[in-house]
Protein backbone atom coordinates (compact mmCIF):
# COMPACT_ATOMS: atom_id res chain seq x y z
CA MET A 1 160.79 215.83 1.52
CA LYS A 2 162.96 213.23 2.33
CA GLY A 3 166.29 212.31 4.66
CA TYR A 4 168.97 210.62 4.44
CA ILE A 5 171.37 210.00 8.06
CA TYR A 6 175.14 207.80 8.04
CA ILE A 7 177.97 207.54 10.16
CA ALA A 8 180.67 209.80 9.28
CA GLY A 9 183.20 206.92 10.03
CA ALA A 10 186.58 209.58 9.46
CA PHE A 11 185.21 212.37 11.37
CA GLU A 12 186.78 213.04 13.96
CA THR A 13 185.76 216.27 16.30
CA VAL A 14 183.31 219.11 15.95
CA ASN A 15 185.62 221.70 18.11
CA ARG A 16 187.87 223.86 15.13
CA SER A 17 190.77 224.75 18.26
CA VAL A 18 192.23 221.37 17.46
CA CYS A 19 193.09 222.63 14.50
CA GLY A 20 196.55 222.62 13.90
CA GLN A 21 197.62 221.32 17.11
CA LYS A 22 200.60 218.67 16.14
CA GLY A 23 198.62 215.46 14.82
CA SER A 24 195.78 216.60 14.57
CA SER A 25 193.23 216.85 12.19
CA VAL A 26 189.93 218.54 11.29
CA ASP A 27 187.37 216.84 9.13
CA ASN A 28 186.40 218.42 6.05
CA ASP A 29 183.21 216.85 4.63
CA PRO A 30 180.99 217.59 5.40
CA HIS A 31 182.06 220.48 5.84
CA PHE A 32 180.65 223.38 8.33
CA TRP A 33 184.29 225.41 9.28
CA SER A 34 183.00 228.36 7.19
CA ALA A 35 178.96 229.37 5.52
CA PRO A 36 177.74 228.00 3.39
CA PRO A 37 177.74 224.23 4.43
CA THR A 38 178.66 221.67 2.25
CA TRP A 39 178.98 217.66 1.59
CA GLY A 40 181.34 217.07 -1.52
CA ILE A 41 182.98 214.08 -0.77
CA CYS A 42 181.59 211.37 1.33
CA ARG A 43 179.11 209.21 0.44
CA ASN A 44 178.76 209.78 -3.36
CA ASP A 45 175.40 207.27 -3.37
CA LEU A 46 173.92 209.39 -1.04
CA ARG A 47 174.60 212.26 -2.52
CA ALA A 48 173.42 211.35 -5.66
CA VAL A 49 170.15 210.75 -5.03
CA ALA A 50 169.33 213.51 -2.47
CA ASP A 51 166.55 215.90 -3.69
CA LEU A 52 166.25 219.79 -2.73
CA GLY A 53 164.64 220.41 0.65
CA ASP A 54 165.99 216.55 1.56
CA VAL A 55 167.82 216.65 5.56
CA ILE A 56 171.06 214.67 5.77
CA PHE A 57 172.23 213.72 9.36
CA PHE A 58 175.69 213.10 9.88
CA VAL A 59 176.28 210.53 12.78
CA LEU A 60 180.07 210.69 14.61
CA PRO A 61 181.78 207.26 14.79
CA ARG A 62 181.42 204.90 17.91
CA ARG A 63 185.07 205.65 18.45
CA GLY A 64 186.41 209.30 17.64
CA ARG A 65 186.37 212.53 20.64
CA HIS A 66 182.27 212.62 20.93
CA PRO A 67 180.73 210.46 22.04
CA GLN A 68 178.74 208.74 19.43
CA MET A 69 175.38 210.55 18.45
CA ILE A 70 174.07 213.66 15.55
CA PHE A 71 176.63 216.11 15.22
CA GLY A 72 174.94 218.57 12.71
CA PHE A 73 172.34 218.23 10.01
CA LEU A 74 172.54 219.68 6.09
CA THR A 75 169.05 220.91 4.56
CA VAL A 76 169.91 220.67 0.75
CA ALA A 77 169.54 223.73 -1.05
CA GLU A 78 171.32 223.80 -4.31
CA LYS A 79 172.98 220.24 -5.75
CA ILE A 80 175.66 221.44 -9.06
CA THR A 81 179.38 219.58 -9.55
CA HIS A 82 182.44 220.24 -8.31
CA ASP A 83 183.51 221.99 -11.22
CA GLU A 84 180.47 224.60 -11.19
CA ALA A 85 181.25 224.46 -7.20
CA SER A 86 185.31 225.72 -8.51
CA ARG A 87 184.34 228.75 -10.37
CA ARG A 88 182.11 229.88 -7.36
CA ILE A 89 183.23 232.58 -5.69
CA ASP A 90 181.01 232.54 -1.90
CA LEU A 91 182.63 229.33 -2.04
CA ARG A 92 186.41 230.11 -2.33
CA SER A 93 187.08 228.37 0.87
CA LYS A 94 185.61 225.29 -0.24
CA ARG A 95 188.20 224.66 -2.19
CA MET A 96 191.22 222.57 -0.91
CA GLY A 97 194.39 223.69 -0.23
CA ASN A 98 197.60 223.33 1.90
CA ARG A 99 195.41 224.58 5.54
CA VAL A 100 193.46 222.30 7.86
CA PRO A 101 191.02 222.47 8.31
CA ASN A 102 190.81 221.87 4.05
CA GLY A 103 188.15 222.35 1.34
CA ASN A 104 186.16 220.06 0.31
CA ILE A 105 185.93 220.85 -3.12
CA ILE A 106 188.03 218.27 -4.88
CA VAL A 107 188.35 219.71 -8.12
CA CYS A 108 190.95 222.17 -8.81
CA THR A 109 190.58 225.42 -10.87
CA LYS A 110 191.26 223.76 -13.80
CA GLY A 111 188.86 220.89 -13.70
CA GLY A 112 191.60 217.92 -12.52
CA TYR A 113 192.11 215.72 -9.50
CA ASP A 114 192.75 218.35 -6.65
CA ARG A 115 196.47 217.51 -5.48
CA PHE A 116 195.74 218.99 -1.57
CA ASP A 117 193.19 215.91 -1.29
CA GLY A 118 196.61 213.92 -1.80
CA GLY A 119 195.62 210.94 -3.09
CA ALA A 120 193.12 209.63 -0.63
CA HIS A 121 189.92 209.94 -3.65
CA HIS A 122 191.38 209.70 -6.30
CA HIS A 123 190.71 206.08 -7.87
CA ILE A 124 186.68 207.07 -6.36
CA PHE A 125 187.44 211.04 -8.94
CA GLU A 126 185.17 210.92 -11.07
CA LYS A 127 181.77 209.75 -9.45
CA ILE A 128 182.98 212.50 -6.27
CA LYS A 129 182.78 214.76 -9.14
CA ARG A 130 179.27 215.11 -10.33
CA HIS A 131 178.00 215.88 -7.15
CA TYR A 132 178.94 218.15 -4.39
CA VAL A 133 175.56 219.19 -2.36
CA ILE A 134 175.63 222.95 -1.05
CA GLY A 135 173.11 223.12 2.42
CA SER A 136 170.37 225.99 3.48
CA LYS A 137 172.41 228.57 6.05
CA THR A 138 169.31 228.99 8.30
CA GLU A 139 167.74 225.18 8.40
CA SER A 140 171.17 223.47 8.93
CA ARG A 141 173.57 223.27 11.47
CA MET A 142 176.95 221.11 12.84
CA LEU A 143 175.64 220.36 17.16
CA THR A 144 178.12 222.35 19.36
CA ALA A 145 180.22 219.58 22.39
CA ASP A 146 178.06 220.34 24.40
CA GLU A 147 174.97 219.98 22.63
CA ILE A 148 176.31 216.77 21.84
CA GLY A 149 177.76 215.65 25.25
CA ARG A 150 174.59 216.74 26.74
CA LEU A 151 171.45 214.49 24.22
CA ALA A 152 174.46 211.00 23.68
CA PRO A 153 172.69 209.92 26.33
CA GLU A 154 169.66 209.30 24.13
CA PHE A 155 170.42 208.43 21.33
CA ILE A 156 169.99 205.18 20.54
CA GLN A 157 166.64 204.94 22.16
CA THR A 158 165.26 208.79 20.36
CA LEU A 159 166.94 206.85 17.41
CA SER A 160 165.10 204.02 17.70
CA SER A 161 161.42 204.99 17.98
CA ILE A 162 161.51 207.71 15.65
CA VAL A 163 162.63 204.66 13.39
CA GLY A 164 161.35 201.69 14.49
CA ILE A 165 164.93 199.71 14.19
CA HIS A 166 166.14 198.32 17.61
CA GLY A 167 169.44 197.49 18.58
CA ARG A 168 171.78 198.03 20.98
CA ARG A 169 174.46 200.53 19.07
CA ALA A 170 173.91 203.62 16.20
CA ILE A 171 174.61 200.53 13.53
CA ASP A 172 172.19 198.18 14.36
CA ILE A 173 169.83 200.89 13.37
CA ILE A 174 170.90 203.03 10.72
CA SER A 175 173.21 200.21 9.28
CA ARG A 176 176.84 200.01 7.25
CA LYS A 177 174.76 201.15 3.90
CA GLY A 178 172.86 204.22 5.96
CA ARG A 179 169.48 204.54 6.31
CA VAL A 180 166.49 206.66 4.15
CA LEU A 181 164.15 208.59 6.54
CA THR A 182 160.29 210.01 5.73
CA SER A 183 159.65 212.44 5.70
CA GLY A 184 158.05 212.44 9.35
CA GLN A 185 160.98 210.69 10.68
CA VAL A 186 163.05 213.71 9.02
CA LYS A 187 160.58 216.03 10.94
CA SER A 188 161.03 214.04 14.50
CA LEU A 189 164.94 213.95 14.90
CA LEU A 190 164.89 217.70 13.90
CA THR A 191 162.17 218.49 16.50
CA TRP A 192 164.74 216.22 19.21
CA LEU A 193 168.41 218.43 17.87
CA ASN A 194 166.59 221.53 18.57
CA ASP A 195 164.30 221.00 21.21
CA SER A 196 166.29 219.62 23.35
């Protein structure tokens, strides 16, 4: 087992209650809004190399609706293509559509680029559609806004201590490319998130 941590720069909120409010959107990748949790669009470079049992940690951007902090983690239970995902009944809620939050399966049921993505990822569609990650229902979760608020003041110091890289900001430790984590680092982060 290994892990990855990266800053999900486009992710705004863990509060689904903003869904449908004028001018608001609820992010769709990673998709924790219905079970199982999935990761299908962002960071296709990391999705391509993630293996079964690996743990992915998602970090909020610095300027968001919550303090910068890990907002969720996903343990890889399955890896399939977007074509396969679009045909699975148990992933029906993950298909893109005219709704908020949207799905994160970028392939329509006919195998082409899903128009409900609005052209946002059309230029890298061929890369994205190769890897769709399904998370474990029991070993993945999105934190609540309260948990994020409570843990955020310790986040940089804790991450720095676990990873062994000192920095004043998350980006100093994680970098723009994200960071690979050892098994021990993954276990330490999970313990901190689950036991704090």
